[in-house]
Amino acid sequence: MSSHRVVTQGGKMKTVSRMTVDELRELVESAVEDKLHEMIGDPDHGLDLRQSVKKRLRRTIRDEKKGKPGIPAKEVTKRLGLRW
């Protein structure tokens, strides 16, 4: 059986068998997102954002730079009634 190696965020090579569940989940999510973007592109490309959305995005980016945690994805999906 071959050993599959991937590069983690720290730039170190790691075999899939040595990845944590979170690292593997992040790898799969990133690969799926990349493939979807490759297949369908950005459907919102060229569209303008409302001022209220721009303001909220700027606030989120500012808060993240200050180290303020955002809302975890599990909480967002729960609030929206989605399954994670």
PDB file of N, CA and C in Angstrom:
ATOM      1  N   MET A   1       0.841  -1.162   0.000  1.00  0.00           N
ATOM      2  CA  MET A   1       0.000   0.000   0.000  1.00  0.00           C
ATOM      3  C   MET A   1       0.895   1.236   0.000  1.00  0.00           C
ATOM      4  N   SER A   2       0.561   2.248  -0.816  1.00  0.00           N
ATOM      5  CA  SER A   2       1.396   3.433  -0.897  1.00  0.00           C
ATOM      6  C   SER A   2       1.090   4.390   0.248  1.00  0.00           C
ATOM      7  N   SER A   3       2.060   5.224   0.562  1.00  0.00           N
ATOM      8  CA  SER A   3       1.902   6.206   1.625  1.00  0.00           C
ATOM      9  C   SER A   3       1.632   7.564   0.984  1.00  0.00           C
ATOM     10  N   HIS A   4       0.485   8.157   1.277  1.00  0.00           N
ATOM     11  CA  HIS A   4       0.128   9.452   0.718  1.00  0.00           C
ATOM     12  C   HIS A   4       0.598  10.551   1.654  1.00  0.00           C
ATOM     13  N   ARG A   5       1.340  11.498   1.104  1.00  0.00           N
ATOM     14  CA  ARG A   5       1.857  12.592   1.915  1.00  0.00           C
ATOM     15  C   ARG A   5       1.176  13.890   1.510  1.00  0.00           C
ATOM     16  N   VAL A   6       0.926  14.717   2.484  1.00  0.00           N
ATOM     17  CA  VAL A   6       0.326  16.022   2.249  1.00  0.00           C
ATOM     18  C   VAL A   6       1.134  17.062   3.011  1.00  0.00           C
ATOM     19  N   VAL A   7       1.012  18.302   2.579  1.00  0.00           N
ATOM     20  CA  VAL A   7       1.683  19.393   3.265  1.00  0.00           C
ATOM     21  C   VAL A   7       0.674  20.044   4.197  1.00  0.00           C
ATOM     22  N   THR A   8       1.027  20.153   5.457  1.00  0.00           N
ATOM     23  CA  THR A   8       0.145  20.786   6.434  1.00  0.00           C
ATOM     24  C   THR A   8       0.397  22.284   6.439  1.00  0.00           C
ATOM     25  N   GLN A   9      -0.408  23.033   7.201  1.00  0.00           N
ATOM     26  CA  GLN A   9      -0.296  24.478   7.250  1.00  0.00           C
ATOM     27  C   GLN A   9       1.106  24.933   7.643  1.00  0.00           C
ATOM     28  N   GLY A  10       1.755  24.202   8.492  1.00  0.00           N
ATOM     29  CA  GLY A  10       3.103  24.570   8.912  1.00  0.00           C
ATOM     30  C   GLY A  10       4.140  24.312   7.841  1.00  0.00           C
ATOM     31  N   GLY A  11       3.728  23.769   6.705  1.00  0.00           N
ATOM     32  CA  GLY A  11       4.647  23.500   5.608  1.00  0.00           C
ATOM     33  C   GLY A  11       5.374  22.177   5.736  1.00  0.00           C
ATOM     34  N   LYS A  12       5.062  21.400   6.757  1.00  0.00           N
ATOM     35  CA  LYS A  12       5.725  20.118   6.959  1.00  0.00           C
ATOM     36  C   LYS A  12       4.958  19.026   6.226  1.00  0.00           C
ATOM     37  N   MET A  13       5.708  18.058   5.710  1.00  0.00           N
ATOM     38  CA  MET A  13       5.083  16.916   5.054  1.00  0.00           C
ATOM     39  C   MET A  13       4.590  15.952   6.129  1.00  0.00           C
ATOM     40  N   LYS A  14       3.418  15.388   5.871  1.00  0.00           N
ATOM     41  CA  LYS A  14       2.825  14.471   6.840  1.00  0.00           C
ATOM     42  C   LYS A  14       2.020  13.441   6.060  1.00  0.00           C
ATOM     43  N   THR A  15       2.075  12.187   6.495  1.00  0.00           N
ATOM     44  CA  THR A  15       1.248  11.175   5.849  1.00  0.00           C
ATOM     45  C   THR A  15      -0.173  11.325   6.365  1.00  0.00           C
ATOM     46  N   VAL A  16      -1.125  10.920   5.553  1.00  0.00           N
ATOM     47  CA  VAL A  16      -2.527  11.006   5.950  1.00  0.00           C
ATOM     48  C   VAL A  16      -2.764  10.208   7.219  1.00  0.00           C
ATOM     49  N   SER A  17      -2.100   9.089   7.355  1.00  0.00           N
ATOM     50  CA  SER A  17      -2.294   8.248   8.539  1.00  0.00           C
ATOM     51  C   SER A  17      -1.821   8.934   9.825  1.00  0.00           C
ATOM     52  N   ARG A  18      -1.006   9.965   9.710  1.00  0.00           N
ATOM     53  CA  ARG A  18      -0.506  10.677  10.891  1.00  0.00           C
ATOM     54  C   ARG A  18      -1.236  12.001  11.137  1.00  0.00           C
ATOM     55  N   MET A  19      -2.253  12.285  10.323  1.00  0.00           N
ATOM     56  CA  MET A  19      -3.003  13.529  10.485  1.00  0.00           C
ATOM     57  C   MET A  19      -4.042  13.380  11.581  1.00  0.00           C
ATOM     58  N   THR A  20      -4.326  14.501  12.233  1.00  0.00           N
ATOM     59  CA  THR A  20      -5.423  14.496  13.200  1.00  0.00           C
ATOM     60  C   THR A  20      -6.730  14.542  12.413  1.00  0.00           C
ATOM     61  N   VAL A  21      -7.819  14.274  13.091  1.00  0.00           N
ATOM     62  CA  VAL A  21      -9.129  14.337  12.444  1.00  0.00           C
ATOM     63  C   VAL A  21      -9.374  15.745  11.915  1.00  0.00           C
ATOM     64  N   ASP A  22      -9.023  16.755  12.699  1.00  0.00           N
ATOM     65  CA  ASP A  22      -9.222  18.138  12.261  1.00  0.00           C
ATOM     66  C   ASP A  22      -8.378  18.472  11.032  1.00  0.00           C
ATOM     67  N   GLU A  23      -7.137  18.003  10.995  1.00  0.00           N
ATOM     68  CA  GLU A  23      -6.282  18.245   9.821  1.00  0.00           C
ATOM     69  C   GLU A  23      -6.857  17.576   8.588  1.00  0.00           C
ATOM     70  N   LEU A  24      -7.339  16.342   8.742  1.00  0.00           N
ATOM     71  CA  LEU A  24      -7.924  15.626   7.613  1.00  0.00           C
ATOM     72  C   LEU A  24      -9.199  16.320   7.145  1.00  0.00           C
ATOM     73  N   ARG A  25     -10.035  16.738   8.083  1.00  0.00           N
ATOM     74  CA  ARG A  25     -11.274  17.444   7.737  1.00  0.00           C
ATOM     75  C   ARG A  25     -10.945  18.727   6.959  1.00  0.00           C
ATOM     76  N   GLU A  26      -9.951  19.477   7.436  1.00  0.00           N
ATOM     77  CA  GLU A  26      -9.552  20.712   6.767  1.00  0.00           C
ATOM     78  C   GLU A  26      -9.033  20.422   5.350  1.00  0.00           C
ATOM     79  N   LEU A  27      -8.265  19.358   5.210  1.00  0.00           N
ATOM     80  CA  LEU A  27      -7.745  18.977   3.903  1.00  0.00           C
ATOM     81  C   LEU A  27      -8.872  18.635   2.940  1.00  0.00           C
ATOM     82  N   VAL A  28      -9.826  17.831   3.388  1.00  0.00           N
ATOM     83  CA  VAL A  28     -10.959  17.433   2.546  1.00  0.00           C
ATOM     84  C   VAL A  28     -11.813  18.647   2.191  1.00  0.00           C
ATOM     85  N   GLU A  29     -12.117  19.492   3.180  1.00  0.00           N
ATOM     86  CA  GLU A  29     -12.918  20.691   2.916  1.00  0.00           C
ATOM     87  C   GLU A  29     -12.235  21.580   1.884  1.00  0.00           C
ATOM     88  N   SER A  30     -10.945  21.758   2.023  1.00  0.00           N
ATOM     89  CA  SER A  30     -10.191  22.597   1.094  1.00  0.00           C
ATOM     90  C   SER A  30     -10.195  22.001  -0.312  1.00  0.00           C
ATOM     91  N   ALA A  31     -10.013  20.688  -0.403  1.00  0.00           N
ATOM     92  CA  ALA A  31     -10.009  20.028  -1.710  1.00  0.00           C
ATOM     93  C   ALA A  31     -11.367  20.132  -2.387  1.00  0.00           C
ATOM     94  N   VAL A  32     -12.444  19.951  -1.621  1.00  0.00           N
ATOM     95  CA  VAL A  32     -13.796  20.048  -2.180  1.00  0.00           C
ATOM     96  C   VAL A  32     -14.060  21.479  -2.638  1.00  0.00           C
ATOM     97  N   GLU A  33     -13.704  22.441  -1.804  1.00  0.00           N
ATOM     98  CA  GLU A  33     -13.907  23.848  -2.158  1.00  0.00           C
ATOM     99  C   GLU A  33     -13.132  24.207  -3.424  1.00  0.00           C
ATOM    100  N   ASP A  34     -11.872  23.769  -3.506  1.00  0.00           N
ATOM    101  CA  ASP A  34     -11.064  24.033  -4.705  1.00  0.00           C
ATOM    102  C   ASP A  34     -11.696  23.423  -5.948  1.00  0.00           C
ATOM    103  N   LYS A  35     -12.168  22.194  -5.837  1.00  0.00           N
ATOM    104  CA  LYS A  35     -12.765  21.515  -6.990  1.00  0.00           C
ATOM    105  C   LYS A  35     -14.058  22.199  -7.419  1.00  0.00           C
ATOM    106  N   LEU A  36     -14.907  22.565  -6.460  1.00  0.00           N
ATOM    107  CA  LEU A  36     -16.147  23.262  -6.807  1.00  0.00           C
ATOM    108  C   LEU A  36     -15.849  24.593  -7.480  1.00  0.00           C
ATOM    109  N   HIS A  37     -14.875  25.320  -6.948  1.00  0.00           N
ATOM    110  CA  HIS A  37     -14.512  26.601  -7.558  1.00  0.00           C
ATOM    111  C   HIS A  37     -13.995  26.392  -8.979  1.00  0.00           C
ATOM    112  N   GLU A  38     -13.220  25.349  -9.160  1.00  0.00           N
ATOM    113  CA  GLU A  38     -12.695  25.017 -10.491  1.00  0.00           C
ATOM    114  C   GLU A  38     -13.831  24.680 -11.460  1.00  0.00           C
ATOM    115  N   MET A  39     -14.842  23.947 -10.973  1.00  0.00           N
ATOM    116  CA  MET A  39     -15.927  23.491 -11.838  1.00  0.00           C
ATOM    117  C   MET A  39     -16.948  24.584 -12.153  1.00  0.00           C
ATOM    118  N   ILE A  40     -17.314  25.369 -11.156  1.00  0.00           N
ATOM    119  CA  ILE A  40     -18.384  26.337 -11.390  1.00  0.00           C
ATOM    120  C   ILE A  40     -17.945  27.785 -11.248  1.00  0.00           C
ATOM    121  N   GLY A  41     -16.735  28.011 -10.783  1.00  0.00           N
ATOM    122  CA  GLY A  41     -16.267  29.375 -10.607  1.00  0.00           C
ATOM    123  C   GLY A  41     -17.010  30.069  -9.476  1.00  0.00           C
ATOM    124  N   ASP A  42     -16.948  31.377  -9.485  1.00  0.00           N
ATOM    125  CA  ASP A  42     -17.611  32.175  -8.450  1.00  0.00           C
ATOM    126  C   ASP A  42     -18.878  32.761  -9.047  1.00  0.00           C
ATOM    127  N   PRO A  43     -20.042  32.238  -8.658  1.00  0.00           N
ATOM    128  CA  PRO A  43     -21.290  32.722  -9.256  1.00  0.00           C
ATOM    129  C   PRO A  43     -21.591  34.174  -8.911  1.00  0.00           C
ATOM    130  N   ASP A  44     -20.936  34.712  -7.884  1.00  0.00           N
ATOM    131  CA  ASP A  44     -21.165  36.096  -7.483  1.00  0.00           C
ATOM    132  C   ASP A  44     -20.133  37.061  -8.064  1.00  0.00           C
ATOM    133  N   HIS A  45     -19.221  36.549  -8.875  1.00  0.00           N
ATOM    134  CA  HIS A  45     -18.173  37.396  -9.444  1.00  0.00           C
ATOM    135  C   HIS A  45     -18.792  38.566 -10.218  1.00  0.00           C
ATOM    136  N   GLY A  46     -18.323  39.761  -9.922  1.00  0.00           N
ATOM    137  CA  GLY A  46     -18.803  40.938 -10.625  1.00  0.00           C
ATOM    138  C   GLY A  46     -20.010  41.612  -9.999  1.00  0.00           C
ATOM    139  N   LEU A  47     -20.638  40.961  -9.032  1.00  0.00           N
ATOM    140  CA  LEU A  47     -21.797  41.557  -8.372  1.00  0.00           C
ATOM    141  C   LEU A  47     -21.339  42.476  -7.236  1.00  0.00           C
ATOM    142  N   ASP A  48     -22.100  43.512  -6.974  1.00  0.00           N
ATOM    143  CA  ASP A  48     -21.789  44.437  -5.888  1.00  0.00           C
ATOM    144  C   ASP A  48     -22.402  43.950  -4.579  1.00  0.00           C
ATOM    145  N   LEU A  49     -21.688  44.232  -3.485  1.00  0.00           N
ATOM    146  CA  LEU A  49     -22.211  43.923  -2.159  1.00  0.00           C
ATOM    147  C   LEU A  49     -22.957  45.144  -1.622  1.00  0.00           C
ATOM    148  N   ARG A  50     -24.012  44.873  -0.892  1.00  0.00           N
ATOM    149  CA  ARG A  50     -24.716  45.967  -0.217  1.00  0.00           C
ATOM    150  C   ARG A  50     -23.787  46.581   0.819  1.00  0.00           C
ATOM    151  N   GLN A  51     -24.004  47.853   1.118  1.00  0.00           N
ATOM    152  CA  GLN A  51     -23.182  48.543   2.106  1.00  0.00           C
ATOM    153  C   GLN A  51     -23.233  47.854   3.463  1.00  0.00           C
ATOM    154  N   SER A  52     -24.398  47.354   3.858  1.00  0.00           N
ATOM    155  CA  SER A  52     -24.528  46.692   5.154  1.00  0.00           C
ATOM    156  C   SER A  52     -23.656  45.426   5.220  1.00  0.00           C
ATOM    157  N   VAL A  53     -23.551  44.719   4.099  1.00  0.00           N
ATOM    158  CA  VAL A  53     -22.722  43.508   4.059  1.00  0.00           C
ATOM    159  C   VAL A  53     -21.245  43.890   4.112  1.00  0.00           C
ATOM    160  N   LYS A  54     -20.860  44.924   3.367  1.00  0.00           N
ATOM    161  CA  LYS A  54     -19.470  45.391   3.396  1.00  0.00           C
ATOM    162  C   LYS A  54     -19.066  45.802   4.802  1.00  0.00           C
ATOM    163  N   LYS A  55     -19.952  46.510   5.486  1.00  0.00           N
ATOM    164  CA  LYS A  55     -19.680  46.971   6.845  1.00  0.00           C
ATOM    165  C   LYS A  55     -19.487  45.783   7.788  1.00  0.00           C
ATOM    166  N   ARG A  56     -20.369  44.781   7.657  1.00  0.00           N
ATOM    167  CA  ARG A  56     -20.281  43.598   8.511  1.00  0.00           C
ATOM    168  C   ARG A  56     -18.989  42.824   8.235  1.00  0.00           C
ATOM    169  N   LEU A  57     -18.593  42.705   6.962  1.00  0.00           N
ATOM    170  CA  LEU A  57     -17.348  42.008   6.618  1.00  0.00           C
ATOM    171  C   LEU A  57     -16.134  42.739   7.176  1.00  0.00           C
ATOM    172  N   ARG A  58     -16.136  44.059   7.055  1.00  0.00           N
ATOM    173  CA  ARG A  58     -15.019  44.845   7.602  1.00  0.00           C
ATOM    174  C   ARG A  58     -14.908  44.655   9.114  1.00  0.00           C
ATOM    175  N   ARG A  59     -16.061  44.644   9.802  1.00  0.00           N
ATOM    176  CA  ARG A  59     -16.069  44.458  11.245  1.00  0.00           C
ATOM    177  C   ARG A  59     -15.530  43.072  11.613  1.00  0.00           C
ATOM    178  N   THR A  60     -15.950  42.067  10.854  1.00  0.00           N
ATOM    179  CA  THR A  60     -15.490  40.696  11.111  1.00  0.00           C
ATOM    180  C   THR A  60     -13.976  40.595  10.927  1.00  0.00           C
ATOM    181  N   ILE A  61     -13.465  41.174   9.850  1.00  0.00           N
ATOM    182  CA  ILE A  61     -12.017  41.137   9.580  1.00  0.00           C
ATOM    183  C   ILE A  61     -11.257  41.866  10.682  1.00  0.00           C
ATOM    184  N   ARG A  62     -11.756  43.029  11.102  1.00  0.00           N
ATOM    185  CA  ARG A  62     -11.124  43.801  12.175  1.00  0.00           C
ATOM    186  C   ARG A  62     -11.101  42.991  13.473  1.00  0.00           C
ATOM    187  N   ASP A  63     -12.231  42.365  13.795  1.00  0.00           N
ATOM    188  CA  ASP A  63     -12.315  41.568  15.018  1.00  0.00           C
ATOM    189  C   ASP A  63     -11.356  40.383  14.976  1.00  0.00           C
ATOM    190  N   GLU A  64     -11.247  39.735  13.821  1.00  0.00           N
ATOM    191  CA  GLU A  64     -10.339  38.590  13.698  1.00  0.00           C
ATOM    192  C   GLU A  64      -8.888  39.021  13.897  1.00  0.00           C
ATOM    193  N   LYS A  65      -8.528  40.204  13.351  1.00  0.00           N
ATOM    194  CA  LYS A  65      -7.162  40.705  13.523  1.00  0.00           C
ATOM    195  C   LYS A  65      -6.862  40.995  14.982  1.00  0.00           C
ATOM    196  N   LYS A  66      -7.883  41.367  15.746  1.00  0.00           N
ATOM    197  CA  LYS A  66      -7.723  41.642  17.175  1.00  0.00           C
ATOM    198  C   LYS A  66      -7.741  40.358  17.995  1.00  0.00           C
ATOM    199  N   GLY A  67      -7.991  39.227  17.343  1.00  0.00           N
ATOM    200  CA  GLY A  67      -8.018  37.948  18.043  1.00  0.00           C
ATOM    201  C   GLY A  67      -9.365  37.588  18.632  1.00  0.00           C
ATOM    202  N   LYS A  68     -10.374  38.376  18.311  1.00  0.00           N
ATOM    203  CA  LYS A  68     -11.717  38.090  18.818  1.00  0.00           C
ATOM    204  C   LYS A  68     -12.284  36.890  18.063  1.00  0.00           C
ATOM    205  N   PRO A  69     -12.710  35.856  18.775  1.00  0.00           N
ATOM    206  CA  PRO A  69     -13.211  34.662  18.084  1.00  0.00           C
ATOM    207  C   PRO A  69     -14.547  34.914  17.386  1.00  0.00           C
ATOM    208  N   GLY A  70     -14.717  34.258  16.262  1.00  0.00           N
ATOM    209  CA  GLY A  70     -15.985  34.335  15.543  1.00  0.00           C
ATOM    210  C   GLY A  70     -16.949  33.282  16.062  1.00  0.00           C
ATOM    211  N   ILE A  71     -18.028  33.108  15.353  1.00  0.00           N
ATOM    212  CA  ILE A  71     -19.017  32.100  15.736  1.00  0.00           C
ATOM    213  C   ILE A  71     -18.588  30.777  15.107  1.00  0.00           C
ATOM    214  N   PRO A  72     -18.444  29.728  15.904  1.00  0.00           N
ATOM    215  CA  PRO A  72     -18.046  28.430  15.350  1.00  0.00           C
ATOM    216  C   PRO A  72     -19.059  27.935  14.306  1.00  0.00           C
ATOM    217  N   ALA A  73     -18.556  27.248  13.292  1.00  0.00           N
ATOM    218  CA  ALA A  73     -19.409  26.751  12.206  1.00  0.00           C
ATOM    219  C   ALA A  73     -20.546  25.881  12.740  1.00  0.00           C
ATOM    220  N   LYS A  74     -20.272  25.078  13.749  1.00  0.00           N
ATOM    221  CA  LYS A  74     -21.326  24.220  14.305  1.00  0.00           C
ATOM    222  C   LYS A  74     -22.468  25.051  14.875  1.00  0.00           C
ATOM    223  N   GLU A  75     -22.132  26.172  15.513  1.00  0.00           N
ATOM    224  CA  GLU A  75     -23.156  27.041  16.076  1.00  0.00           C
ATOM    225  C   GLU A  75     -23.973  27.701  14.967  1.00  0.00           C
ATOM    226  N   VAL A  76     -23.304  28.134  13.908  1.00  0.00           N
ATOM    227  CA  VAL A  76     -24.000  28.760  12.774  1.00  0.00           C
ATOM    228  C   VAL A  76     -24.984  27.777  12.153  1.00  0.00           C
ATOM    229  N   THR A  77     -24.525  26.556  11.915  1.00  0.00           N
ATOM    230  CA  THR A  77     -25.412  25.564  11.304  1.00  0.00           C
ATOM    231  C   THR A  77     -26.580  25.234  12.223  1.00  0.00           C
ATOM    232  N   LYS A  78     -26.320  25.205  13.537  1.00  0.00           N
ATOM    233  CA  LYS A  78     -27.401  24.947  14.492  1.00  0.00           C
ATOM    234  C   LYS A  78     -28.435  26.060  14.439  1.00  0.00           C
ATOM    235  N   ARG A  79     -27.963  27.314  14.416  1.00  0.00           N
ATOM    236  CA  ARG A  79     -28.881  28.462  14.351  1.00  0.00           C
ATOM    237  C   ARG A  79     -29.720  28.450  13.088  1.00  0.00           C
ATOM    238  N   LEU A  80     -29.116  27.959  12.002  1.00  0.00           N
ATOM    239  CA  LEU A  80     -29.832  27.916  10.722  1.00  0.00           C
ATOM    240  C   LEU A  80     -30.646  26.651  10.537  1.00  0.00           C
ATOM    241  N   GLY A  81     -30.588  25.755  11.510  1.00  0.00           N
ATOM    242  CA  GLY A  81     -31.343  24.508  11.420  1.00  0.00           C
ATOM    243  C   GLY A  81     -30.754  23.523  10.433  1.00  0.00           C
ATOM    244  N   LEU A  82     -29.436  23.618  10.220  1.00  0.00           N
ATOM    245  CA  LEU A  82     -28.739  22.712   9.291  1.00  0.00           C
ATOM    246  C   LEU A  82     -28.022  21.628  10.067  1.00  0.00           C
ATOM    247  N   ARG A  83     -27.720  20.540   9.400  1.00  0.00           N
ATOM    248  CA  ARG A  83     -26.949  19.462  10.012  1.00  0.00           C
ATOM    249  C   ARG A  83     -25.504  19.615   9.612  1.00  0.00           C
ATOM    250  N   TRP A  84     -24.580  19.465  10.567  1.00  0.00           N
ATOM    251  CA  TRP A  84     -23.135  19.642  10.301  1.00  0.00           C
ATOM    252  C   TRP A  84     -22.497  18.308  10.104  1.00  0.00           C
TER     253      TRP A  84
END
